[in-house]
Amino acid sequence: MITSELEQRIKSLILQYKVMLFMKWTPEEPACGFSANAVAMLVESWIYFESFDIYSDEDIRQGLKEYSSWPTFPQLYIDWELIGGVDIMSEMYEAGEFKELKTKKEL
């Protein structure tokens, strides 16, 4: 079970930015194809985002799975809400939804 302290740490990371990507390593050097694809979709959609390397903090990595009820990474949050992983991101990207969000939410 996630502790209240860990939940606060996770919330504080999410609340810092309009768009937050929890991923494996960095946008410049993603550690897996899923993280690389997530970064590429955001970059190609001209969406400014911040990222957090889940390998840098094991507590955050494990706690985020429980916090979001999403077991895999990357995890994308927009306006402080979980969007999902790379599969959902791919659907949104293909449907042009990222471009719509960029305009509507001023991302």
PDB file of N, CA and C in Angstrom:
ATOM      1  N   MET A   1       0.835  -1.186   0.000  1.00  0.00           N
ATOM      2  CA  MET A   1       0.000   0.000   0.000  1.00  0.00           C
ATOM      3  C   MET A   1       0.879   1.249   0.000  1.00  0.00           C
ATOM      4  N   ILE A   2       0.459   2.234  -0.757  1.00  0.00           N
ATOM      5  CA  ILE A   2       1.221   3.473  -0.896  1.00  0.00           C
ATOM      6  C   ILE A   2       1.055   4.325   0.371  1.00  0.00           C
ATOM      7  N   THR A   3       2.159   4.851   0.863  1.00  0.00           N
ATOM      8  CA  THR A   3       2.096   5.694   2.060  1.00  0.00           C
ATOM      9  C   THR A   3       1.622   7.095   1.677  1.00  0.00           C
ATOM     10  N   SER A   4       1.112   7.825   2.651  1.00  0.00           N
ATOM     11  CA  SER A   4       0.651   9.190   2.361  1.00  0.00           C
ATOM     12  C   SER A   4       1.827  10.082   1.969  1.00  0.00           C
ATOM     13  N   GLU A   5       2.996   9.833   2.555  1.00  0.00           N
ATOM     14  CA  GLU A   5       4.187  10.615   2.202  1.00  0.00           C
ATOM     15  C   GLU A   5       4.570  10.383   0.741  1.00  0.00           C
ATOM     16  N   LEU A   6       4.567   9.127   0.310  1.00  0.00           N
ATOM     17  CA  LEU A   6       4.907   8.812  -1.072  1.00  0.00           C
ATOM     18  C   LEU A   6       3.849   9.360  -2.022  1.00  0.00           C
ATOM     19  N   GLU A   7       2.593   9.254  -1.633  1.00  0.00           N
ATOM     20  CA  GLU A   7       1.516   9.806  -2.471  1.00  0.00           C
ATOM     21  C   GLU A   7       1.709  11.313  -2.662  1.00  0.00           C
ATOM     22  N   GLN A   8       2.101  12.017  -1.616  1.00  0.00           N
ATOM     23  CA  GLN A   8       2.351  13.459  -1.706  1.00  0.00           C
ATOM     24  C   GLN A   8       3.532  13.747  -2.631  1.00  0.00           C
ATOM     25  N   ARG A   9       4.579  12.936  -2.563  1.00  0.00           N
ATOM     26  CA  ARG A   9       5.731  13.124  -3.453  1.00  0.00           C
ATOM     27  C   ARG A   9       5.317  12.958  -4.912  1.00  0.00           C
ATOM     28  N   ILE A  10       4.496  11.936  -5.180  1.00  0.00           N
ATOM     29  CA  ILE A  10       4.031  11.685  -6.543  1.00  0.00           C
ATOM     30  C   ILE A  10       3.152  12.843  -7.019  1.00  0.00           C
ATOM     31  N   LYS A  11       2.205  13.257  -6.183  1.00  0.00           N
ATOM     32  CA  LYS A  11       1.328  14.374  -6.545  1.00  0.00           C
ATOM     33  C   LYS A  11       2.134  15.629  -6.827  1.00  0.00           C
ATOM     34  N   SER A  12       3.133  15.884  -6.022  1.00  0.00           N
ATOM     35  CA  SER A  12       3.939  17.092  -6.215  1.00  0.00           C
ATOM     36  C   SER A  12       4.678  17.056  -7.548  1.00  0.00           C
ATOM     37  N   LEU A  13       5.138  15.888  -7.973  1.00  0.00           N
ATOM     38  CA  LEU A  13       5.773  15.771  -9.290  1.00  0.00           C
ATOM     39  C   LEU A  13       4.766  16.040 -10.401  1.00  0.00           C
ATOM     40  N   ILE A  14       3.585  15.473 -10.281  1.00  0.00           N
ATOM     41  CA  ILE A  14       2.555  15.626 -11.306  1.00  0.00           C
ATOM     42  C   ILE A  14       2.069  17.074 -11.380  1.00  0.00           C
ATOM     43  N   LEU A  15       1.899  17.711 -10.236  1.00  0.00           N
ATOM     44  CA  LEU A  15       1.334  19.063 -10.191  1.00  0.00           C
ATOM     45  C   LEU A  15       2.301  20.153 -10.633  1.00  0.00           C
ATOM     46  N   GLN A  16       3.585  19.830 -10.784  1.00  0.00           N
ATOM     47  CA  GLN A  16       4.570  20.840 -11.162  1.00  0.00           C
ATOM     48  C   GLN A  16       4.412  21.316 -12.604  1.00  0.00           C
ATOM     49  N   TYR A  17       3.895  20.458 -13.496  1.00  0.00           N
ATOM     50  CA  TYR A  17       3.875  20.774 -14.923  1.00  0.00           C
ATOM     51  C   TYR A  17       2.543  20.390 -15.548  1.00  0.00           C
ATOM     52  N   LYS A  18       2.165  21.097 -16.601  1.00  0.00           N
ATOM     53  CA  LYS A  18       0.931  20.763 -17.323  1.00  0.00           C
ATOM     54  C   LYS A  18       1.027  19.402 -17.990  1.00  0.00           C
ATOM     55  N   VAL A  19       2.231  19.069 -18.465  1.00  0.00           N
ATOM     56  CA  VAL A  19       2.435  17.779 -19.142  1.00  0.00           C
ATOM     57  C   VAL A  19       3.657  17.106 -18.523  1.00  0.00           C
ATOM     58  N   MET A  20       3.431  15.928 -17.949  1.00  0.00           N
ATOM     59  CA  MET A  20       4.510  15.183 -17.294  1.00  0.00           C
ATOM     60  C   MET A  20       4.526  13.763 -17.832  1.00  0.00           C
ATOM     61  N   LEU A  21       5.706  13.337 -18.244  1.00  0.00           N
ATOM     62  CA  LEU A  21       5.894  11.981 -18.749  1.00  0.00           C
ATOM     63  C   LEU A  21       6.812  11.232 -17.793  1.00  0.00           C
ATOM     64  N   PHE A  22       6.289  10.194 -17.176  1.00  0.00           N
ATOM     65  CA  PHE A  22       7.109   9.312 -16.356  1.00  0.00           C
ATOM     66  C   PHE A  22       7.621   8.225 -17.293  1.00  0.00           C
ATOM     67  N   MET A  23       8.935   8.154 -17.420  1.00  0.00           N
ATOM     68  CA  MET A  23       9.523   7.282 -18.431  1.00  0.00           C
ATOM     69  C   MET A  23      10.807   6.633 -17.946  1.00  0.00           C
ATOM     70  N   LYS A  24      11.336   5.764 -18.777  1.00  0.00           N
ATOM     71  CA  LYS A  24      12.606   5.099 -18.485  1.00  0.00           C
ATOM     72  C   LYS A  24      13.728   5.913 -19.107  1.00  0.00           C
ATOM     73  N   TRP A  25      14.528   6.489 -18.275  1.00  0.00           N
ATOM     74  CA  TRP A  25      15.645   7.373 -18.542  1.00  0.00           C
ATOM     75  C   TRP A  25      15.176   8.740 -18.983  1.00  0.00           C
ATOM     76  N   THR A  26      15.775   9.298 -20.030  1.00  0.00           N
ATOM     77  CA  THR A  26      15.502  10.691 -20.391  1.00  0.00           C
ATOM     78  C   THR A  26      14.987  10.801 -21.824  1.00  0.00           C
ATOM     79  N   PRO A  27      14.370  11.937 -22.165  1.00  0.00           N
ATOM     80  CA  PRO A  27      13.922  12.124 -23.548  1.00  0.00           C
ATOM     81  C   PRO A  27      15.084  12.037 -24.554  1.00  0.00           C
ATOM     82  N   GLU A  28      16.251  12.485 -24.130  1.00  0.00           N
ATOM     83  CA  GLU A  28      17.422  12.431 -25.015  1.00  0.00           C
ATOM     84  C   GLU A  28      17.975  11.018 -25.158  1.00  0.00           C
ATOM     85  N   GLU A  29      17.801  10.207 -24.130  1.00  0.00           N
ATOM     86  CA  GLU A  29      18.292   8.828 -24.142  1.00  0.00           C
ATOM     87  C   GLU A  29      17.271   7.904 -23.485  1.00  0.00           C
ATOM     88  N   PRO A  30      16.162   7.636 -24.171  1.00  0.00           N
ATOM     89  CA  PRO A  30      15.168   6.728 -23.590  1.00  0.00           C
ATOM     90  C   PRO A  30      15.715   5.312 -23.495  1.00  0.00           C
ATOM     91  N   ALA A  31      15.306   4.596 -22.446  1.00  0.00           N
ATOM     92  CA  ALA A  31      15.850   3.258 -22.187  1.00  0.00           C
ATOM     93  C   ALA A  31      15.042   2.146 -22.847  1.00  0.00           C
ATOM     94  N   CYS A  32      13.932   2.501 -23.502  1.00  0.00           N
ATOM     95  CA  CYS A  32      13.146   1.469 -24.176  1.00  0.00           C
ATOM     96  C   CYS A  32      12.393   2.091 -25.347  1.00  0.00           C
ATOM     97  N   GLY A  33      11.938   1.252 -26.230  1.00  0.00           N
ATOM     98  CA  GLY A  33      11.211   1.715 -27.400  1.00  0.00           C
ATOM     99  C   GLY A  33       9.913   2.416 -27.058  1.00  0.00           C
ATOM    100  N   PHE A  34       9.244   1.956 -25.991  1.00  0.00           N
ATOM    101  CA  PHE A  34       7.982   2.584 -25.598  1.00  0.00           C
ATOM    102  C   PHE A  34       8.208   4.032 -25.161  1.00  0.00           C
ATOM    103  N   SER A  35       9.239   4.241 -24.349  1.00  0.00           N
ATOM    104  CA  SER A  35       9.556   5.604 -23.914  1.00  0.00           C
ATOM    105  C   SER A  35       9.991   6.450 -25.108  1.00  0.00           C
ATOM    106  N   ALA A  36      10.768   5.881 -26.007  1.00  0.00           N
ATOM    107  CA  ALA A  36      11.207   6.606 -27.207  1.00  0.00           C
ATOM    108  C   ALA A  36      10.005   7.012 -28.057  1.00  0.00           C
ATOM    109  N   ASN A  37       9.048   6.111 -28.221  1.00  0.00           N
ATOM    110  CA  ASN A  37       7.856   6.427 -29.003  1.00  0.00           C
ATOM    111  C   ASN A  37       7.027   7.523 -28.345  1.00  0.00           C
ATOM    112  N   ALA A  38       6.892   7.457 -27.029  1.00  0.00           N
ATOM    113  CA  ALA A  38       6.128   8.473 -26.301  1.00  0.00           C
ATOM    114  C   ALA A  38       6.752   9.852 -26.495  1.00  0.00           C
ATOM    115  N   VAL A  39       8.066   9.921 -26.354  1.00  0.00           N
ATOM    116  CA  VAL A  39       8.778  11.190 -26.536  1.00  0.00           C
ATOM    117  C   VAL A  39       8.586  11.689 -27.966  1.00  0.00           C
ATOM    118  N   ALA A  40       8.735  10.809 -28.936  1.00  0.00           N
ATOM    119  CA  ALA A  40       8.613  11.205 -30.343  1.00  0.00           C
ATOM    120  C   ALA A  40       7.234  11.786 -30.638  1.00  0.00           C
ATOM    121  N   MET A  41       6.187  11.173 -30.124  1.00  0.00           N
ATOM    122  CA  MET A  41       4.833  11.677 -30.376  1.00  0.00           C
ATOM    123  C   MET A  41       4.630  13.072 -29.796  1.00  0.00           C
ATOM    124  N   LEU A  42       5.146  13.292 -28.582  1.00  0.00           N
ATOM    125  CA  LEU A  42       5.003  14.607 -27.959  1.00  0.00           C
ATOM    126  C   LEU A  42       5.819  15.652 -28.709  1.00  0.00           C
ATOM    127  N   VAL A  43       7.044  15.306 -29.073  1.00  0.00           N
ATOM    128  CA  VAL A  43       7.904  16.239 -29.795  1.00  0.00           C
ATOM    129  C   VAL A  43       7.303  16.572 -31.158  1.00  0.00           C
ATOM    130  N   GLU A  44       6.849  15.557 -31.881  1.00  0.00           N
ATOM    131  CA  GLU A  44       6.274  15.783 -33.208  1.00  0.00           C
ATOM    132  C   GLU A  44       4.973  16.572 -33.140  1.00  0.00           C
ATOM    133  N   SER A  45       4.305  16.527 -31.994  1.00  0.00           N
ATOM    134  CA  SER A  45       3.073  17.296 -31.815  1.00  0.00           C
ATOM    135  C   SER A  45       3.350  18.685 -31.236  1.00  0.00           C
ATOM    136  N   TRP A  46       4.609  19.018 -31.033  1.00  0.00           N
ATOM    137  CA  TRP A  46       5.039  20.301 -30.482  1.00  0.00           C
ATOM    138  C   TRP A  46       4.442  20.547 -29.100  1.00  0.00           C
ATOM    139  N   ILE A  47       4.361  19.489 -28.306  1.00  0.00           N
ATOM    140  CA  ILE A  47       3.842  19.619 -26.943  1.00  0.00           C
ATOM    141  C   ILE A  47       5.019  19.685 -25.979  1.00  0.00           C
ATOM    142  N   TYR A  48       5.100  20.790 -25.244  1.00  0.00           N
ATOM    143  CA  TYR A  48       6.150  20.941 -24.250  1.00  0.00           C
ATOM    144  C   TYR A  48       5.830  20.027 -23.074  1.00  0.00           C
ATOM    145  N   PHE A  49       6.815  19.268 -22.638  1.00  0.00           N
ATOM    146  CA  PHE A  49       6.602  18.366 -21.514  1.00  0.00           C
ATOM    147  C   PHE A  49       7.856  18.281 -20.665  1.00  0.00           C
ATOM    148  N   GLU A  50       7.649  17.899 -19.436  1.00  0.00           N
ATOM    149  CA  GLU A  50       8.743  17.560 -18.535  1.00  0.00           C
ATOM    150  C   GLU A  50       8.706  16.052 -18.355  1.00  0.00           C
ATOM    151  N   SER A  51       9.816  15.505 -17.912  1.00  0.00           N
ATOM    152  CA  SER A  51       9.857  14.058 -17.712  1.00  0.00           C
ATOM    153  C   SER A  51      10.507  13.727 -16.377  1.00  0.00           C
ATOM    154  N   PHE A  52      10.223  12.516 -15.934  1.00  0.00           N
ATOM    155  CA  PHE A  52      10.822  12.001 -14.712  1.00  0.00           C
ATOM    156  C   PHE A  52      11.327  10.605 -15.017  1.00  0.00           C
ATOM    157  N   ASP A  53      12.594  10.373 -14.713  1.00  0.00           N
ATOM    158  CA  ASP A  53      13.209   9.056 -14.921  1.00  0.00           C
ATOM    159  C   ASP A  53      12.814   8.132 -13.771  1.00  0.00           C
ATOM    160  N   ILE A  54      11.969   7.156 -14.071  1.00  0.00           N
ATOM    161  CA  ILE A  54      11.478   6.259 -13.020  1.00  0.00           C
ATOM    162  C   ILE A  54      12.577   5.393 -12.433  1.00  0.00           C
ATOM    163  N   TYR A  55      13.696   5.241 -13.167  1.00  0.00           N
ATOM    164  CA  TYR A  55      14.815   4.468 -12.629  1.00  0.00           C
ATOM    165  C   TYR A  55      15.601   5.253 -11.581  1.00  0.00           C
ATOM    166  N   SER A  56      15.347   6.560 -11.491  1.00  0.00           N
ATOM    167  CA  SER A  56      16.093   7.375 -10.527  1.00  0.00           C
ATOM    168  C   SER A  56      15.536   7.266  -9.111  1.00  0.00           C
ATOM    169  N   ASP A  57      14.331   6.701  -8.972  1.00  0.00           N
ATOM    170  CA  ASP A  57      13.713   6.616  -7.651  1.00  0.00           C
ATOM    171  C   ASP A  57      12.777   5.410  -7.615  1.00  0.00           C
ATOM    172  N   GLU A  58      13.223   4.351  -6.988  1.00  0.00           N
ATOM    173  CA  GLU A  58      12.459   3.100  -6.939  1.00  0.00           C
ATOM    174  C   GLU A  58      11.123   3.272  -6.220  1.00  0.00           C
ATOM    175  N   ASP A  59      11.085   4.098  -5.177  1.00  0.00           N
ATOM    176  CA  ASP A  59       9.829   4.332  -4.466  1.00  0.00           C
ATOM    177  C   ASP A  59       8.791   4.979  -5.383  1.00  0.00           C
ATOM    178  N   ILE A  60       9.212   5.975  -6.138  1.00  0.00           N
ATOM    179  CA  ILE A  60       8.302   6.637  -7.083  1.00  0.00           C
ATOM    180  C   ILE A  60       7.861   5.637  -8.145  1.00  0.00           C
ATOM    181  N   ARG A  61       8.797   4.865  -8.668  1.00  0.00           N
ATOM    182  CA  ARG A  61       8.473   3.899  -9.730  1.00  0.00           C
ATOM    183  C   ARG A  61       7.403   2.910  -9.273  1.00  0.00           C
ATOM    184  N   GLN A  62       7.580   2.337  -8.109  1.00  0.00           N
ATOM    185  CA  GLN A  62       6.617   1.361  -7.600  1.00  0.00           C
ATOM    186  C   GLN A  62       5.328   2.041  -7.134  1.00  0.00           C
ATOM    187  N   GLY A  63       5.453   3.170  -6.455  1.00  0.00           N
ATOM    188  CA  GLY A  63       4.290   3.876  -5.938  1.00  0.00           C
ATOM    189  C   GLY A  63       3.394   4.415  -7.038  1.00  0.00           C
ATOM    190  N   LEU A  64       3.996   4.846  -8.137  1.00  0.00           N
ATOM    191  CA  LEU A  64       3.220   5.400  -9.235  1.00  0.00           C
ATOM    192  C   LEU A  64       2.300   4.351  -9.858  1.00  0.00           C
ATOM    193  N   LYS A  65       2.750   3.109  -9.886  1.00  0.00           N
ATOM    194  CA  LYS A  65       1.907   2.028 -10.422  1.00  0.00           C
ATOM    195  C   LYS A  65       0.612   1.919  -9.623  1.00  0.00           C
ATOM    196  N   GLU A  66       0.729   2.011  -8.308  1.00  0.00           N
ATOM    197  CA  GLU A  66      -0.442   1.923  -7.440  1.00  0.00           C
ATOM    198  C   GLU A  66      -1.258   3.213  -7.490  1.00  0.00           C
ATOM    199  N   TYR A  67      -0.570   4.344  -7.466  1.00  0.00           N
ATOM    200  CA  TYR A  67      -1.238   5.646  -7.484  1.00  0.00           C
ATOM    201  C   TYR A  67      -2.123   5.799  -8.716  1.00  0.00           C
ATOM    202  N   SER A  68      -1.604   5.382  -9.866  1.00  0.00           N
ATOM    203  CA  SER A  68      -2.310   5.574 -11.130  1.00  0.00           C
ATOM    204  C   SER A  68      -3.178   4.381 -11.523  1.00  0.00           C
ATOM    205  N   SER A  69      -2.985   3.265 -10.837  1.00  0.00           N
ATOM    206  CA  SER A  69      -3.626   2.000 -11.249  1.00  0.00           C
ATOM    207  C   SER A  69      -3.245   1.655 -12.683  1.00  0.00           C
ATOM    208  N   TRP A  70      -2.015   1.991 -13.047  1.00  0.00           N
ATOM    209  CA  TRP A  70      -1.484   1.724 -14.381  1.00  0.00           C
ATOM    210  C   TRP A  70      -0.131   1.039 -14.180  1.00  0.00           C
ATOM    211  N   PRO A  71      -0.005  -0.225 -14.551  1.00  0.00           N
ATOM    212  CA  PRO A  71       1.176  -0.996 -14.171  1.00  0.00           C
ATOM    213  C   PRO A  71       2.438  -0.787 -15.010  1.00  0.00           C
ATOM    214  N   THR A  72       2.325  -0.095 -16.137  1.00  0.00           N
ATOM    215  CA  THR A  72       3.475   0.001 -17.042  1.00  0.00           C
ATOM    216  C   THR A  72       3.906   1.448 -17.256  1.00  0.00           C
ATOM    217  N   PHE A  73       5.068   1.584 -17.854  1.00  0.00           N
ATOM    218  CA  PHE A  73       5.626   2.897 -18.199  1.00  0.00           C
ATOM    219  C   PHE A  73       5.996   2.885 -19.670  1.00  0.00           C
ATOM    220  N   PRO A  74       5.915   4.059 -20.288  1.00  0.00           N
ATOM    221  CA  PRO A  74       5.706   5.393 -19.752  1.00  0.00           C
ATOM    222  C   PRO A  74       4.260   5.640 -19.341  1.00  0.00           C
ATOM    223  N   GLN A  75       4.101   6.686 -18.518  1.00  0.00           N
ATOM    224  CA  GLN A  75       2.777   7.169 -18.118  1.00  0.00           C
ATOM    225  C   GLN A  75       2.746   8.668 -18.393  1.00  0.00           C
ATOM    226  N   LEU A  76       1.719   9.095 -19.109  1.00  0.00           N
ATOM    227  CA  LEU A  76       1.584  10.507 -19.462  1.00  0.00           C
ATOM    228  C   LEU A  76       0.458  11.149 -18.664  1.00  0.00           C
ATOM    229  N   TYR A  77       0.766  12.302 -18.065  1.00  0.00           N
ATOM    230  CA  TYR A  77      -0.227  13.113 -17.362  1.00  0.00           C
ATOM    231  C   TYR A  77      -0.338  14.453 -18.086  1.00  0.00           C
ATOM    232  N   ILE A  78      -1.572  14.854 -18.390  1.00  0.00           N
ATOM    233  CA  ILE A  78      -1.832  16.173 -18.958  1.00  0.00           C
ATOM    234  C   ILE A  78      -2.850  16.854 -18.064  1.00  0.00           C
ATOM    235  N   ASP A  79      -2.540  18.099 -17.707  1.00  0.00           N
ATOM    236  CA  ASP A  79      -3.382  18.844 -16.758  1.00  0.00           C
ATOM    237  C   ASP A  79      -3.647  18.019 -15.513  1.00  0.00           C
ATOM    238  N   TRP A  80      -2.628  17.363 -15.035  1.00  0.00           N
ATOM    239  CA  TRP A  80      -2.608  16.651 -13.768  1.00  0.00           C
ATOM    240  C   TRP A  80      -3.489  15.405 -13.735  1.00  0.00           C
ATOM    241  N   GLU A  81      -3.900  14.930 -14.923  1.00  0.00           N
ATOM    242  CA  GLU A  81      -4.694  13.708 -15.008  1.00  0.00           C
ATOM    243  C   GLU A  81      -3.963  12.676 -15.855  1.00  0.00           C
ATOM    244  N   LEU A  82      -4.054  11.421 -15.455  1.00  0.00           N
ATOM    245  CA  LEU A  82      -3.436  10.348 -16.218  1.00  0.00           C
ATOM    246  C   LEU A  82      -4.133  10.199 -17.560  1.00  0.00           C
ATOM    247  N   ILE A  83      -3.335  10.260 -18.620  1.00  0.00           N
ATOM    248  CA  ILE A  83      -3.836   9.987 -19.971  1.00  0.00           C
ATOM    249  C   ILE A  83      -3.693   8.499 -20.249  1.00  0.00           C
ATOM    250  N   GLY A  84      -2.527   7.950 -19.904  1.00  0.00           N
ATOM    251  CA  GLY A  84      -2.282   6.525 -20.090  1.00  0.00           C
ATOM    252  C   GLY A  84      -0.867   6.277 -20.554  1.00  0.00           C
ATOM    253  N   GLY A  85      -0.696   5.108 -21.151  1.00  0.00           N
ATOM    254  CA  GLY A  85       0.610   4.701 -21.634  1.00  0.00           C
ATOM    255  C   GLY A  85       0.742   4.921 -23.131  1.00  0.00           C
ATOM    256  N   VAL A  86       1.780   4.319 -23.693  1.00  0.00           N
ATOM    257  CA  VAL A  86       2.091   4.559 -25.093  1.00  0.00           C
ATOM    258  C   VAL A  86       1.005   4.041 -26.038  1.00  0.00           C
ATOM    259  N   ASP A  87       0.261   3.028 -25.635  1.00  0.00           N
ATOM    260  CA  ASP A  87      -0.807   2.525 -26.500  1.00  0.00           C
ATOM    261  C   ASP A  87      -1.910   3.574 -26.663  1.00  0.00           C
ATOM    262  N   ILE A  88      -2.315   4.183 -25.573  1.00  0.00           N
ATOM    263  CA  ILE A  88      -3.329   5.236 -25.636  1.00  0.00           C
ATOM    264  C   ILE A  88      -2.763   6.468 -26.322  1.00  0.00           C
ATOM    265  N   MET A  89      -1.517   6.791 -26.043  1.00  0.00           N
ATOM    266  CA  MET A  89      -0.875   7.921 -26.706  1.00  0.00           C
ATOM    267  C   MET A  89      -0.866   7.712 -28.223  1.00  0.00           C
ATOM    268  N   SER A  90      -0.572   6.505 -28.660  1.00  0.00           N
ATOM    269  CA  SER A  90      -0.535   6.205 -30.099  1.00  0.00           C
ATOM    270  C   SER A  90      -1.907   6.424 -30.736  1.00  0.00           C
ATOM    271  N   GLU A  91      -2.942   5.958 -30.059  1.00  0.00           N
ATOM    272  CA  GLU A  91      -4.305   6.162 -30.574  1.00  0.00           C
ATOM    273  C   GLU A  91      -4.626   7.647 -30.685  1.00  0.00           C
ATOM    274  N   MET A  92      -4.277   8.403 -29.657  1.00  0.00           N
ATOM    275  CA  MET A  92      -4.531   9.838 -29.663  1.00  0.00           C
ATOM    276  C   MET A  92      -3.734  10.532 -30.760  1.00  0.00           C
ATOM    277  N   TYR A  93      -2.475  10.138 -30.910  1.00  0.00           N
ATOM    278  CA  TYR A  93      -1.602  10.743 -31.916  1.00  0.00           C
ATOM    279  C   TYR A  93      -2.152  10.485 -33.313  1.00  0.00           C
ATOM    280  N   GLU A  94      -2.506   9.239 -33.583  1.00  0.00           N
ATOM    281  CA  GLU A  94      -3.031   8.872 -34.900  1.00  0.00           C
ATOM    282  C   GLU A  94      -4.347   9.596 -35.201  1.00  0.00           C
ATOM    283  N   ALA A  95      -5.161   9.831 -34.186  1.00  0.00           N
ATOM    284  CA  ALA A  95      -6.450  10.500 -34.366  1.00  0.00           C
ATOM    285  C   ALA A  95      -6.332  12.028 -34.397  1.00  0.00           C
ATOM    286  N   GLY A  96      -5.118  12.545 -34.207  1.00  0.00           N
ATOM    287  CA  GLY A  96      -4.913  13.989 -34.217  1.00  0.00           C
ATOM    288  C   GLY A  96      -5.303  14.675 -32.915  1.00  0.00           C
ATOM    289  N   GLU A  97      -5.525  13.885 -31.879  1.00  0.00           N
ATOM    290  CA  GLU A  97      -5.984  14.459 -30.612  1.00  0.00           C
ATOM    291  C   GLU A  97      -4.911  15.288 -29.900  1.00  0.00           C
ATOM    292  N   PHE A  98      -3.641  14.980 -30.101  1.00  0.00           N
ATOM    293  CA  PHE A  98      -2.592  15.781 -29.467  1.00  0.00           C
ATOM    294  C   PHE A  98      -2.597  17.199 -30.026  1.00  0.00           C
ATOM    295  N   LYS A  99      -2.795  17.322 -31.322  1.00  0.00           N
ATOM    296  CA  LYS A  99      -2.849  18.659 -31.927  1.00  0.00           C
ATOM    297  C   LYS A  99      -4.043  19.440 -31.394  1.00  0.00           C
ATOM    298  N   GLU A 100      -5.169  18.761 -31.223  1.00  0.00           N
ATOM    299  CA  GLU A 100      -6.347  19.411 -30.649  1.00  0.00           C
ATOM    300  C   GLU A 100      -6.074  19.849 -29.211  1.00  0.00           C
ATOM    301  N   LEU A 101      -5.469  18.965 -28.426  1.00  0.00           N
ATOM    302  CA  LEU A 101      -5.153  19.295 -27.036  1.00  0.00           C
ATOM    303  C   LEU A 101      -4.190  20.464 -26.954  1.00  0.00           C
ATOM    304  N   LYS A 102      -3.208  20.483 -27.847  1.00  0.00           N
ATOM    305  CA  LYS A 102      -2.212  21.560 -27.850  1.00  0.00           C
ATOM    306  C   LYS A 102      -2.914  22.902 -27.981  1.00  0.00           C
ATOM    307  N   THR A 103      -3.868  22.967 -28.893  1.00  0.00           N
ATOM    308  CA  THR A 103      -4.592  24.212 -29.115  1.00  0.00           C
ATOM    309  C   THR A 103      -5.553  24.517 -27.970  1.00  0.00           C
ATOM    310  N   LYS A 104      -6.349  23.528 -27.594  1.00  0.00           N
ATOM    311  CA  LYS A 104      -7.395  23.733 -26.592  1.00  0.00           C
ATOM    312  C   LYS A 104      -6.812  24.021 -25.213  1.00  0.00           C
ATOM    313  N   LYS A 105      -5.778  23.319 -24.829  1.00  0.00           N
ATOM    314  CA  LYS A 105      -5.220  23.460 -23.483  1.00  0.00           C
ATOM    315  C   LYS A 105      -3.958  24.305 -23.438  1.00  0.00           C
ATOM    316  N   GLU A 106      -3.569  24.849 -24.590  1.00  0.00           N
ATOM    317  CA  GLU A 106      -2.364  25.665 -24.688  1.00  0.00           C
ATOM    318  C   GLU A 106      -1.143  24.978 -24.115  1.00  0.00           C
ATOM    319  N   LEU A 107      -0.873  23.784 -24.630  1.00  0.00           N
ATOM    320  CA  LEU A 107       0.261  22.993 -24.159  1.00  0.00           C
ATOM    321  C   LEU A 107       1.530  23.388 -24.872  1.00  0.00           C
TER     322      LEU A 107
END
